[in-house]
Amino acid sequence: MNEKELIEDFKNCGALLEGHFILSSGLHSTKYLQCALALSNPILAKKITKALGEKIIKEFNKKIDYVIAPAMGGLIIGHEIAMFLNLPFMFLERVNGEFELRRGFSFEKNSNFLMIEDVVTTGLSSMEAIKVVNDMGGNVIGEAAIIDRSGGEVDIGIDLVTLLSLNIPTFDKNNIPDDLKSIEAEKPGSRSL
């Protein structure tokens, strides 16, 4: 699966949205990538999982004990990648705005983790999730995501492997272009749930 094919697949299933969006980071954008919609198609989900899984195998030679993902965005692709790699899967979820490992998930100290996200923009959620795992005694050895919206500029402090890198402009609330201000903003992400 190449980048052009992935973009076409996202467009064809309605997962590449255009308008005025407020991202989980609080930044504004003219485009939103709804990976959950793309992954709801089993054939496309398998294609994305296989392509990302193969890149993970090539990139991360270290032993991975667990696949972990922050909820909500990383849940579907995280589970699919765990199945592809035949590894246990767990997820972090926000409680009062902070990531926590709940639902009886546990691990041995010094276990190696691969963090999975759907989309990375600023890397804030990734860095928060990585810190939680590391503070609990785990070792996050790398991250994989379907899409990097930063055009390769994001730095989460560990190796990041993605299927697609796009440079989609984002704007803070004080620098929104006039043409974007005229469109009502939608907040499709899960951070405020």
Protein backbone atom coordinates (compact mmCIF):
# COMPACT_ATOMS: atom_id res chain seq x y z
CA MET A 1 0.00 0.00 0.00
CA ASN A 2 1.55 3.30 -1.05
CA GLU A 3 0.67 6.79 0.21
CA LYS A 4 -1.39 7.73 -2.85
CA GLU A 5 -3.45 4.55 -2.53
CA LEU A 6 -4.10 5.20 1.18
CA ILE A 7 -5.28 8.75 0.47
CA GLU A 8 -7.63 7.45 -2.26
CA ASP A 9 -8.97 4.76 0.09
CA PHE A 10 -9.66 7.40 2.77
CA LYS A 11 -11.41 9.65 0.24
CA ASN A 12 -13.46 6.78 -1.20
CA CYS A 13 -14.83 5.71 2.19
CA GLY A 14 -15.50 9.29 3.34
CA ALA A 15 -12.78 9.23 6.02
CA LEU A 16 -10.91 12.30 4.70
CA LEU A 17 -13.18 15.14 5.71
CA GLU A 18 -12.96 18.78 4.65
CA GLY A 19 -14.39 21.76 6.55
CA HIS A 20 -13.45 23.46 9.82
CA PHE A 21 -12.34 21.11 12.55
CA ILE A 22 -11.01 21.52 16.06
CA LEU A 23 -8.50 18.73 16.66
CA SER A 24 -7.90 16.96 19.97
CA SER A 25 -4.84 19.21 20.39
CA GLY A 26 -7.10 22.29 20.24
CA LEU A 27 -5.65 23.34 16.89
CA HIS A 28 -7.95 24.18 13.99
CA SER A 29 -7.70 22.51 10.56
CA THR A 30 -9.40 22.39 7.17
CA LYS A 31 -9.06 18.58 7.05
CA TYR A 32 -9.87 15.75 9.45
CA LEU A 33 -8.91 12.10 9.07
CA GLN A 34 -11.59 9.86 10.55
CA CYS A 35 -9.60 6.63 10.82
CA ALA A 36 -12.41 4.85 12.69
CA LEU A 37 -14.56 5.21 9.58
CA ALA A 38 -11.82 3.81 7.35
CA LEU A 39 -11.19 0.93 9.77
CA SER A 40 -14.91 0.08 9.90
CA ASN A 41 -14.44 -1.46 6.44
CA PRO A 42 -12.92 -4.92 7.14
CA ILE A 43 -11.16 -5.15 3.78
CA LEU A 44 -9.56 -1.72 4.16
CA ALA A 45 -8.74 -2.41 7.83
CA LYS A 46 -6.88 -5.60 6.84
CA LYS A 47 -5.01 -3.76 4.09
CA ILE A 48 -3.95 -0.94 6.46
CA THR A 49 -3.03 -3.41 9.21
CA LYS A 50 -0.90 -5.55 6.90
CA ALA A 51 0.96 -2.53 5.50
CA LEU A 52 1.59 -0.98 8.92
CA GLY A 53 2.37 -4.34 10.51
CA GLU A 54 5.03 -5.08 7.90
CA LYS A 55 6.67 -1.68 8.54
CA ILE A 56 6.62 -2.39 12.29
CA ILE A 57 8.36 -5.74 11.83
CA LYS A 58 11.09 -4.09 9.71
CA GLU A 59 11.60 -1.11 12.02
CA PHE A 60 11.38 -2.56 15.52
CA ASN A 61 13.86 -5.38 15.88
CA LYS A 62 13.63 -5.24 19.67
CA LYS A 63 11.38 -7.71 21.39
CA ILE A 64 7.88 -6.33 21.87
CA ASP A 65 5.91 -7.81 24.77
CA TYR A 66 2.71 -5.77 24.44
CA VAL A 67 0.88 -3.52 22.02
CA ILE A 68 -0.78 -0.57 23.73
CA ALA A 69 -2.89 2.30 22.44
CA PRO A 70 -4.50 5.41 23.86
CA ALA A 71 -8.28 5.42 23.64
CA MET A 72 -10.17 6.31 21.56
CA GLY A 73 -8.21 6.83 18.35
CA GLY A 74 -5.73 4.00 18.75
CA LEU A 75 -8.17 1.31 19.88
CA ILE A 76 -9.17 -0.23 16.56
CA ILE A 77 -5.80 -0.11 14.81
CA GLY A 78 -4.01 -1.06 18.05
CA HIS A 79 -6.09 -4.20 18.39
CA GLU A 80 -5.64 -5.07 14.72
CA ILE A 81 -1.86 -4.63 14.93
CA ALA A 82 -1.72 -6.76 18.11
CA MET A 83 -3.57 -9.52 16.25
CA PHE A 84 -1.22 -9.15 13.24
CA LEU A 85 1.84 -9.42 15.53
CA ASN A 86 0.19 -12.09 17.73
CA LEU A 87 0.82 -10.05 20.88
CA PRO A 88 -1.35 -9.10 23.87
CA PHE A 89 -3.16 -5.77 23.57
CA MET A 90 -4.17 -3.23 26.18
CA PHE A 91 -5.27 0.38 26.12
CA LEU A 92 -5.11 3.53 28.16
CA GLU A 93 -8.16 5.68 28.70
CA ARG A 94 -8.67 9.15 30.05
CA VAL A 95 -10.04 9.55 33.55
CA ASN A 96 -10.57 13.19 34.53
CA GLY A 97 -8.42 14.19 31.56
CA GLU A 98 -5.44 11.94 32.42
CA PHE A 99 -4.49 8.62 30.82
CA GLU A 100 -4.79 5.56 33.07
CA LEU A 101 -4.38 1.83 32.64
CA ARG A 102 -7.67 0.34 33.88
CA ARG A 103 -9.95 -2.67 33.34
CA GLY A 104 -7.59 -5.08 35.04
CA PHE A 105 -4.74 -4.60 32.55
CA SER A 106 -1.32 -5.17 34.11
CA PHE A 107 2.21 -6.00 33.05
CA GLU A 108 5.56 -7.01 34.44
CA LYS A 109 8.10 -4.24 35.08
CA ASN A 110 10.55 -3.67 32.20
CA SER A 111 8.10 -5.09 29.64
CA ASN A 112 8.59 -3.65 26.14
CA PHE A 113 5.65 -1.86 24.53
CA LEU A 114 4.81 -0.71 21.05
CA MET A 115 2.47 2.30 21.17
CA ILE A 116 -0.12 2.49 18.37
CA GLU A 117 -2.04 5.59 17.29
CA ASP A 118 -4.34 6.29 14.37
CA VAL A 119 -3.20 9.87 13.66
CA VAL A 120 -0.36 11.93 15.14
CA THR A 121 -0.47 15.71 14.80
CA THR A 122 1.38 17.40 17.68
CA GLY A 123 2.29 14.17 19.48
CA LEU A 124 0.79 15.41 22.75
CA SER A 125 -1.48 12.38 23.32
CA SER A 126 1.33 10.02 22.35
CA MET A 127 3.79 11.63 24.76
CA GLU A 128 1.21 11.58 27.58
CA ALA A 129 0.50 7.88 26.97
CA ILE A 130 4.21 6.99 26.69
CA LYS A 131 4.91 8.75 30.00
CA VAL A 132 2.17 6.77 31.79
CA VAL A 133 3.56 3.43 30.58
CA ASN A 134 7.16 4.41 31.38
CA ASP A 135 6.17 5.73 34.85
CA MET A 136 4.51 2.36 35.57
CA GLY A 137 7.78 0.55 34.83
CA GLY A 138 7.22 -0.30 31.18
CA ASN A 139 9.49 0.57 28.29
CA VAL A 140 7.87 2.07 25.19
CA ILE A 141 10.37 1.15 22.46
CA GLY A 142 8.54 2.83 19.58
CA GLU A 143 5.27 4.02 18.11
CA ALA A 144 3.42 3.30 14.91
CA ALA A 145 0.55 5.29 13.45
CA ILE A 146 -1.48 5.20 10.27
CA ILE A 147 -0.96 8.91 9.56
CA ASP A 148 1.46 11.65 10.61
CA ARG A 149 -0.30 14.99 9.99
CA SER A 150 2.83 17.00 10.79
CA GLY A 151 4.65 16.17 7.56
CA GLY A 152 7.43 14.46 9.53
CA GLU A 153 7.98 17.37 11.93
CA VAL A 154 6.50 15.78 15.07
CA ASP A 155 8.98 14.56 17.69
CA ILE A 156 7.54 12.26 20.35
CA GLY A 157 10.91 11.28 21.79
CA ILE A 158 10.92 7.74 20.36
CA ASP A 159 10.98 6.22 16.86
CA LEU A 160 7.75 6.74 14.95
CA VAL A 161 6.71 4.63 11.95
CA THR A 162 3.74 5.70 9.80
CA LEU A 163 2.05 4.70 6.57
CA LEU A 164 1.43 8.25 5.45
CA SER A 165 2.97 11.62 6.24
CA LEU A 166 0.92 14.67 5.30
CA ASN A 167 1.61 18.31 5.92
CA ILE A 168 -1.90 19.53 6.71
CA PRO A 169 -1.79 23.11 8.03
CA THR A 170 -3.13 23.70 11.52
CA PHE A 171 -3.94 26.99 13.20
CA ASP A 172 -4.14 28.05 16.82
CA LYS A 173 -7.36 29.78 17.88
CA ASN A 174 -5.75 33.23 17.53
CA ASN A 175 -4.54 32.70 13.94
CA ILE A 176 -7.49 31.15 12.12
CA PRO A 177 -7.69 32.38 8.49
CA ASP A 178 -10.77 34.48 7.70
CA ASP A 179 -12.15 31.96 5.18
CA LEU A 180 -11.97 29.22 7.84
CA LYS A 181 -13.60 31.46 10.48
CA SER A 182 -16.67 31.68 8.23
CA ILE A 183 -17.23 27.88 8.53
CA GLU A 184 -18.77 26.52 11.72
CA ALA A 185 -16.21 24.42 13.57
CA GLU A 186 -16.76 20.72 14.31
CA LYS A 187 -14.92 18.83 17.06
CA PRO A 188 -14.98 15.19 15.92
CA GLY A 189 -12.18 13.90 18.22
CA SER A 190 -12.64 12.02 21.47
CA ARG A 191 -10.58 14.01 23.96
CA SER A 192 -13.58 15.89 25.38
CA LEU A 193 -15.74 12.77 25.82
